[in-house]
């Protein structure tokens, strides 16, 4: 089984990135051979549609499970259609997230956990307009 975990860096000791589409890295854990592989998320810097693009990448990786903090409606639709189980957790490292999943303590989500465009990091509305 392949488990994809959103990560803040390319190290398994890194914290899980809560924003699926904007996660800098995906860590792929192969439960059959115990291998971990870090893959840069090509959608992290997208100007729009990052969740959909990231979900398509995860599907291309043939992941069976996604562990992340939150996933929006468009990304969830792509993941669900691809048959990828989505589970959420927060405040733990990638390694701890894998351990939680293997112990059965993470719950599968049945829909999006964030609203559309939630990970865009909008500013405070204090632009230079006068």
N, C-alpha and C. Protein backbone atom coordinates (compact mmCIF):
# COMPACT_ATOMS: atom_id res chain seq x y z
N UNK A 1 0.84 -1.17 0.00
CA UNK A 1 0.00 0.00 0.00
C UNK A 1 0.89 1.23 0.00
N UNK A 2 0.44 2.25 -0.73
CA UNK A 2 1.15 3.52 -0.76
C UNK A 2 0.35 4.56 0.01
N UNK A 3 1.03 5.20 0.97
CA UNK A 3 0.42 6.27 1.75
C UNK A 3 1.13 7.56 1.38
N UNK A 4 0.36 8.58 1.02
CA UNK A 4 0.90 9.90 0.71
C UNK A 4 0.60 10.82 1.89
N UNK A 5 1.64 11.52 2.38
CA UNK A 5 1.47 12.42 3.52
C UNK A 5 1.95 13.81 3.10
N UNK A 6 1.15 14.83 3.37
CA UNK A 6 1.58 16.20 3.07
C UNK A 6 2.61 16.62 4.12
N UNK A 7 3.69 17.24 3.65
CA UNK A 7 4.79 17.56 4.55
C UNK A 7 5.32 18.97 4.33
N UNK A 8 5.80 19.57 5.43
CA UNK A 8 6.39 20.91 5.35
C UNK A 8 7.81 20.90 4.79
N UNK A 9 8.46 19.72 4.81
CA UNK A 9 9.80 19.60 4.21
C UNK A 9 9.95 18.20 3.63
N UNK A 10 11.13 17.91 3.15
CA UNK A 10 11.36 16.61 2.51
C UNK A 10 11.87 15.54 3.49
N UNK A 11 11.71 15.80 4.79
CA UNK A 11 12.17 14.87 5.82
C UNK A 11 10.99 14.22 6.54
N UNK A 12 11.08 12.93 6.86
CA UNK A 12 9.98 12.24 7.55
C UNK A 12 9.72 12.75 8.97
N UNK A 13 10.69 13.44 9.56
CA UNK A 13 10.50 14.01 10.89
C UNK A 13 9.80 15.37 10.84
N UNK A 14 9.56 15.86 9.64
CA UNK A 14 8.89 17.14 9.46
C UNK A 14 7.43 17.05 9.88
N UNK A 15 6.85 18.20 10.22
CA UNK A 15 5.43 18.26 10.54
C UNK A 15 4.59 18.04 9.29
N UNK A 16 3.42 17.47 9.50
CA UNK A 16 2.45 17.35 8.41
C UNK A 16 1.98 18.75 8.05
N UNK A 17 1.95 19.03 6.76
CA UNK A 17 1.45 20.32 6.27
C UNK A 17 -0.08 20.27 6.25
N UNK A 18 -0.74 21.20 6.93
CA UNK A 18 -2.21 21.14 7.00
C UNK A 18 -2.93 21.50 5.70
N UNK A 19 -2.28 22.23 4.80
CA UNK A 19 -2.93 22.66 3.55
C UNK A 19 -2.54 21.69 2.43
N UNK A 20 -3.45 20.84 2.03
CA UNK A 20 -3.15 19.82 1.04
C UNK A 20 -2.56 20.38 -0.25
N UNK A 21 -3.29 21.23 -0.95
CA UNK A 21 -2.86 21.73 -2.25
C UNK A 21 -1.59 22.55 -2.22
N UNK A 22 -1.34 23.22 -1.11
CA UNK A 22 -0.16 24.09 -0.97
C UNK A 22 1.00 23.43 -0.22
N UNK A 23 0.88 22.14 0.07
CA UNK A 23 1.96 21.44 0.77
C UNK A 23 3.23 21.48 -0.08
N UNK A 24 4.36 21.87 0.51
CA UNK A 24 5.60 21.91 -0.28
C UNK A 24 6.05 20.53 -0.76
N UNK A 25 5.77 19.50 0.05
CA UNK A 25 6.23 18.15 -0.29
C UNK A 25 5.16 17.11 0.01
N UNK A 26 5.25 16.02 -0.71
CA UNK A 26 4.52 14.80 -0.40
C UNK A 26 5.55 13.76 -0.01
N UNK A 27 5.31 13.07 1.08
CA UNK A 27 6.15 11.92 1.46
C UNK A 27 5.33 10.69 1.12
N UNK A 28 5.90 9.82 0.30
CA UNK A 28 5.24 8.58 -0.08
C UNK A 28 5.83 7.46 0.76
N UNK A 29 4.98 6.79 1.52
CA UNK A 29 5.40 5.66 2.35
C UNK A 29 4.86 4.39 1.72
N UNK A 30 5.76 3.49 1.36
CA UNK A 30 5.37 2.20 0.81
C UNK A 30 5.36 1.19 1.96
N UNK A 31 4.19 0.73 2.35
CA UNK A 31 4.08 -0.15 3.52
C UNK A 31 4.63 -1.54 3.25
N UNK A 32 4.78 -1.90 1.98
CA UNK A 32 5.29 -3.24 1.66
C UNK A 32 6.79 -3.35 1.87
N UNK A 33 7.53 -2.29 1.52
CA UNK A 33 8.99 -2.35 1.67
C UNK A 33 9.54 -1.36 2.69
N UNK A 34 8.67 -0.55 3.30
CA UNK A 34 9.10 0.40 4.33
C UNK A 34 9.82 1.62 3.80
N UNK A 35 9.88 1.79 2.47
CA UNK A 35 10.58 2.92 1.87
C UNK A 35 9.78 4.21 1.98
N UNK A 36 10.50 5.30 2.20
CA UNK A 36 9.91 6.63 2.19
C UNK A 36 10.56 7.44 1.08
N UNK A 37 9.74 8.15 0.31
CA UNK A 37 10.26 8.98 -0.77
C UNK A 37 9.62 10.35 -0.69
N UNK A 38 10.44 11.41 -0.74
CA UNK A 38 9.93 12.78 -0.73
C UNK A 38 9.81 13.27 -2.16
N UNK A 39 8.67 13.85 -2.48
CA UNK A 39 8.42 14.39 -3.81
C UNK A 39 7.93 15.82 -3.65
N UNK A 40 8.57 16.74 -4.37
CA UNK A 40 8.15 18.13 -4.33
C UNK A 40 6.78 18.26 -4.98
N UNK A 41 5.89 19.01 -4.36
CA UNK A 41 4.54 19.22 -4.90
C UNK A 41 4.62 20.29 -5.98
N UNK A 42 4.43 19.92 -7.25
CA UNK A 42 4.51 20.91 -8.32
C UNK A 42 3.38 21.93 -8.29
N UNK A 43 2.32 21.66 -7.55
CA UNK A 43 1.18 22.56 -7.49
C UNK A 43 1.27 23.58 -6.36
N UNK A 44 2.27 23.44 -5.49
CA UNK A 44 2.35 24.28 -4.29
C UNK A 44 2.34 25.77 -4.61
N UNK A 45 2.94 26.18 -5.70
CA UNK A 45 3.01 27.59 -6.04
C UNK A 45 2.03 28.01 -7.12
N UNK A 46 1.08 27.17 -7.44
CA UNK A 46 0.11 27.49 -8.50
C UNK A 46 -0.70 28.73 -8.15
N UNK A 47 -1.02 29.51 -9.15
CA UNK A 47 -1.81 30.72 -8.90
C UNK A 47 -3.28 30.39 -8.67
N UNK A 48 -3.71 29.23 -9.10
CA UNK A 48 -5.08 28.78 -8.88
C UNK A 48 -5.18 27.29 -9.15
N UNK A 49 -6.14 26.65 -8.55
CA UNK A 49 -6.35 25.23 -8.78
C UNK A 49 -5.30 24.32 -8.17
N UNK A 50 -4.63 24.79 -7.13
CA UNK A 50 -3.56 23.99 -6.51
C UNK A 50 -4.07 22.67 -5.96
N UNK A 51 -5.25 22.68 -5.36
CA UNK A 51 -5.80 21.46 -4.79
C UNK A 51 -6.08 20.41 -5.85
N UNK A 52 -6.69 20.84 -6.95
CA UNK A 52 -6.99 19.92 -8.04
C UNK A 52 -5.69 19.35 -8.62
N UNK A 53 -4.72 20.23 -8.88
CA UNK A 53 -3.45 19.79 -9.46
C UNK A 53 -2.72 18.83 -8.52
N UNK A 54 -2.72 19.15 -7.23
CA UNK A 54 -2.06 18.28 -6.25
C UNK A 54 -2.76 16.93 -6.19
N UNK A 55 -4.09 16.93 -6.23
CA UNK A 55 -4.84 15.67 -6.20
C UNK A 55 -4.53 14.82 -7.43
N UNK A 56 -4.39 15.46 -8.58
CA UNK A 56 -4.03 14.73 -9.79
C UNK A 56 -2.64 14.11 -9.66
N UNK A 57 -1.71 14.83 -9.04
CA UNK A 57 -0.35 14.30 -8.82
C UNK A 57 -0.39 13.08 -7.90
N UNK A 58 -1.16 13.18 -6.83
CA UNK A 58 -1.28 12.07 -5.87
C UNK A 58 -1.89 10.85 -6.57
N UNK A 59 -2.87 11.08 -7.43
CA UNK A 59 -3.47 9.98 -8.18
C UNK A 59 -2.44 9.34 -9.12
N UNK A 60 -1.61 10.17 -9.77
CA UNK A 60 -0.57 9.65 -10.66
C UNK A 60 0.43 8.78 -9.90
N UNK A 61 0.66 9.12 -8.63
CA UNK A 61 1.59 8.35 -7.78
C UNK A 61 0.99 7.01 -7.37
N UNK A 62 -0.29 6.83 -7.67
CA UNK A 62 -1.02 5.62 -7.33
C UNK A 62 -1.08 5.38 -5.81
N UNK A 63 -1.28 6.48 -5.09
CA UNK A 63 -1.43 6.38 -3.63
C UNK A 63 -2.79 5.76 -3.31
N UNK A 64 -2.81 4.99 -2.25
CA UNK A 64 -4.06 4.39 -1.77
C UNK A 64 -4.72 5.25 -0.71
N UNK A 65 -3.87 5.99 0.04
CA UNK A 65 -4.33 6.78 1.19
C UNK A 65 -3.61 8.13 1.16
N UNK A 66 -4.33 9.18 1.54
CA UNK A 66 -3.74 10.50 1.73
C UNK A 66 -3.94 10.89 3.18
N UNK A 67 -2.84 11.27 3.85
CA UNK A 67 -2.91 11.82 5.20
C UNK A 67 -2.54 13.29 5.09
N UNK A 68 -3.43 14.15 5.54
CA UNK A 68 -3.22 15.59 5.44
C UNK A 68 -3.96 16.29 6.57
N UNK A 69 -3.85 17.61 6.61
CA UNK A 69 -4.58 18.39 7.60
C UNK A 69 -5.99 18.70 7.13
N UNK A 70 -6.09 19.28 5.94
CA UNK A 70 -7.38 19.65 5.36
C UNK A 70 -7.34 19.47 3.87
N UNK A 71 -8.51 19.23 3.29
CA UNK A 71 -8.63 19.09 1.84
C UNK A 71 -9.93 19.79 1.42
N UNK A 72 -9.82 20.58 0.37
CA UNK A 72 -10.97 21.32 -0.11
C UNK A 72 -11.88 20.49 -1.00
N UNK A 73 -13.02 21.07 -1.40
CA UNK A 73 -14.02 20.30 -2.15
C UNK A 73 -13.56 19.83 -3.53
N UNK A 74 -12.84 20.65 -4.25
CA UNK A 74 -12.40 20.26 -5.59
C UNK A 74 -11.35 19.16 -5.53
N UNK A 75 -10.41 19.30 -4.63
CA UNK A 75 -9.38 18.27 -4.46
C UNK A 75 -10.00 16.98 -3.95
N UNK A 76 -10.94 17.10 -3.01
CA UNK A 76 -11.59 15.90 -2.47
C UNK A 76 -12.30 15.14 -3.58
N UNK A 77 -12.96 15.86 -4.46
CA UNK A 77 -13.67 15.22 -5.59
C UNK A 77 -12.71 14.40 -6.45
N UNK A 78 -11.55 14.97 -6.79
CA UNK A 78 -10.56 14.27 -7.61
C UNK A 78 -10.04 13.04 -6.87
N UNK A 79 -9.69 13.21 -5.60
CA UNK A 79 -9.16 12.10 -4.80
C UNK A 79 -10.20 10.98 -4.65
N UNK A 80 -11.42 11.36 -4.36
CA UNK A 80 -12.49 10.39 -4.18
C UNK A 80 -12.74 9.60 -5.47
N UNK A 81 -12.78 10.31 -6.59
CA UNK A 81 -12.99 9.68 -7.89
C UNK A 81 -11.87 8.70 -8.20
N UNK A 82 -10.64 9.02 -7.76
CA UNK A 82 -9.48 8.15 -7.98
C UNK A 82 -9.43 6.99 -7.00
N UNK A 83 -10.37 6.96 -6.04
CA UNK A 83 -10.41 5.87 -5.07
C UNK A 83 -9.40 5.99 -3.95
N UNK A 84 -8.93 7.21 -3.70
CA UNK A 84 -7.93 7.46 -2.66
C UNK A 84 -8.64 7.78 -1.35
N UNK A 85 -8.34 7.03 -0.31
CA UNK A 85 -8.90 7.26 1.01
C UNK A 85 -8.24 8.51 1.60
N UNK A 86 -9.03 9.42 2.13
CA UNK A 86 -8.50 10.65 2.73
C UNK A 86 -8.73 10.60 4.23
N UNK A 87 -7.64 10.77 4.99
CA UNK A 87 -7.72 10.84 6.45
C UNK A 87 -7.00 12.10 6.90
N UNK A 88 -7.42 12.64 8.03
CA UNK A 88 -6.82 13.88 8.51
C UNK A 88 -6.24 13.73 9.91
N UNK A 89 -5.23 14.53 10.15
CA UNK A 89 -4.63 14.67 11.47
C UNK A 89 -3.90 16.00 11.49
N UNK A 90 -3.46 16.43 12.66
CA UNK A 90 -2.70 17.69 12.73
C UNK A 90 -1.78 17.67 13.94
N UNK A 91 -0.77 18.54 13.89
CA UNK A 91 0.14 18.70 15.01
C UNK A 91 1.09 17.53 15.23
N UNK A 92 1.29 16.71 14.20
CA UNK A 92 2.20 15.57 14.34
C UNK A 92 3.17 15.55 13.16
N UNK A 93 4.23 14.77 13.31
CA UNK A 93 5.19 14.61 12.22
C UNK A 93 4.65 13.62 11.20
N UNK A 94 5.31 13.56 10.06
CA UNK A 94 4.96 12.60 9.02
C UNK A 94 5.03 11.18 9.58
N UNK A 95 6.13 10.86 10.26
CA UNK A 95 6.29 9.53 10.86
C UNK A 95 5.16 9.20 11.83
N UNK A 96 4.81 10.18 12.68
CA UNK A 96 3.73 9.96 13.65
C UNK A 96 2.39 9.77 12.95
N UNK A 97 2.17 10.49 11.86
CA UNK A 97 0.94 10.33 11.09
C UNK A 97 0.82 8.93 10.51
N UNK A 98 1.93 8.40 10.01
CA UNK A 98 1.93 7.04 9.48
C UNK A 98 1.64 6.04 10.59
N UNK A 99 2.27 6.25 11.75
CA UNK A 99 2.04 5.36 12.90
C UNK A 99 0.56 5.40 13.32
N UNK A 100 -0.01 6.60 13.37
CA UNK A 100 -1.43 6.74 13.73
C UNK A 100 -2.31 5.99 12.74
N UNK A 101 -2.00 6.11 11.46
CA UNK A 101 -2.81 5.42 10.45
C UNK A 101 -2.69 3.90 10.64
N UNK A 102 -1.47 3.42 10.82
CA UNK A 102 -1.26 1.98 10.98
C UNK A 102 -1.95 1.42 12.22
N UNK A 103 -2.08 2.25 13.26
CA UNK A 103 -2.76 1.83 14.49
C UNK A 103 -4.28 1.93 14.36
N UNK A 104 -4.75 2.56 13.29
CA UNK A 104 -6.18 2.70 13.07
C UNK A 104 -6.81 3.83 13.86
N UNK A 105 -6.00 4.81 14.30
CA UNK A 105 -6.54 5.90 15.11
C UNK A 105 -6.96 7.12 14.29
N UNK A 106 -6.73 7.10 12.98
CA UNK A 106 -7.16 8.21 12.13
C UNK A 106 -8.48 7.83 11.47
N UNK A 107 -9.36 8.81 11.35
CA UNK A 107 -10.67 8.56 10.78
C UNK A 107 -10.74 9.04 9.34
N UNK A 108 -11.28 8.19 8.49
CA UNK A 108 -11.48 8.55 7.10
C UNK A 108 -12.53 9.66 7.03
N UNK A 109 -12.28 10.66 6.18
CA UNK A 109 -13.27 11.72 6.01
C UNK A 109 -14.21 11.35 4.86
N UNK A 110 -15.43 11.82 4.94
CA UNK A 110 -16.41 11.48 3.92
C UNK A 110 -16.76 12.67 3.04
N UNK A 111 -15.95 13.73 3.15
CA UNK A 111 -16.17 14.93 2.36
C UNK A 111 -15.06 15.92 2.62
N UNK A 112 -15.10 17.07 1.96
CA UNK A 112 -14.05 18.08 2.16
C UNK A 112 -14.03 18.57 3.61
N UNK A 113 -12.84 18.97 4.05
CA UNK A 113 -12.69 19.48 5.42
C UNK A 113 -12.36 20.97 5.43
N UNK A 114 -12.28 21.57 4.25
CA UNK A 114 -12.01 23.01 4.13
C UNK A 114 -12.85 23.55 2.99
N UNK A 115 -13.14 24.83 3.05
CA UNK A 115 -13.89 25.44 1.96
C UNK A 115 -12.97 25.67 0.77
N UNK A 116 -13.54 25.92 -0.37
CA UNK A 116 -12.78 26.18 -1.59
C UNK A 116 -11.85 27.36 -1.38
N UNK A 117 -10.67 27.28 -1.89
CA UNK A 117 -9.66 28.35 -1.86
C UNK A 117 -9.17 28.68 -0.45
N UNK A 118 -9.32 27.78 0.49
CA UNK A 118 -8.92 28.06 1.87
C UNK A 118 -7.42 28.17 2.05
N UNK A 119 -6.63 27.54 1.22
CA UNK A 119 -5.18 27.54 1.41
C UNK A 119 -4.44 28.63 0.68
N UNK A 120 -5.17 29.60 0.13
CA UNK A 120 -4.53 30.61 -0.70
C UNK A 120 -3.74 31.64 0.09
N UNK A 121 -3.92 31.74 1.38
CA UNK A 121 -3.12 32.66 2.20
C UNK A 121 -3.35 34.10 1.84
N UNK A 122 -4.58 34.49 1.75
CA UNK A 122 -4.88 35.87 1.38
C UNK A 122 -4.31 36.85 2.39
N UNK A 123 -4.01 38.04 1.91
CA UNK A 123 -3.42 39.07 2.75
C UNK A 123 -4.43 39.69 3.70
N UNK A 124 -4.00 40.70 4.37
CA UNK A 124 -4.84 41.37 5.38
C UNK A 124 -5.63 42.52 4.81
N UNK A 125 -5.62 42.69 3.50
CA UNK A 125 -6.41 43.77 2.89
C UNK A 125 -5.81 45.14 3.11
N UNK A 126 -4.50 45.20 3.28
CA UNK A 126 -3.83 46.49 3.55
C UNK A 126 -2.91 46.86 2.40
N UNK A 127 -3.40 46.59 1.18
CA UNK A 127 -2.60 46.86 0.00
C UNK A 127 -2.32 48.35 -0.18
N UNK A 128 -1.62 48.70 -1.24
CA UNK A 128 -1.20 50.06 -1.47
C UNK A 128 -2.21 50.92 -2.19
N UNK A 129 -3.43 50.49 -2.34
CA UNK A 129 -4.43 51.31 -3.03
C UNK A 129 -4.79 52.55 -2.21
N UNK A 130 -4.95 53.66 -2.91
CA UNK A 130 -5.32 54.89 -2.22
C UNK A 130 -6.46 55.56 -2.90
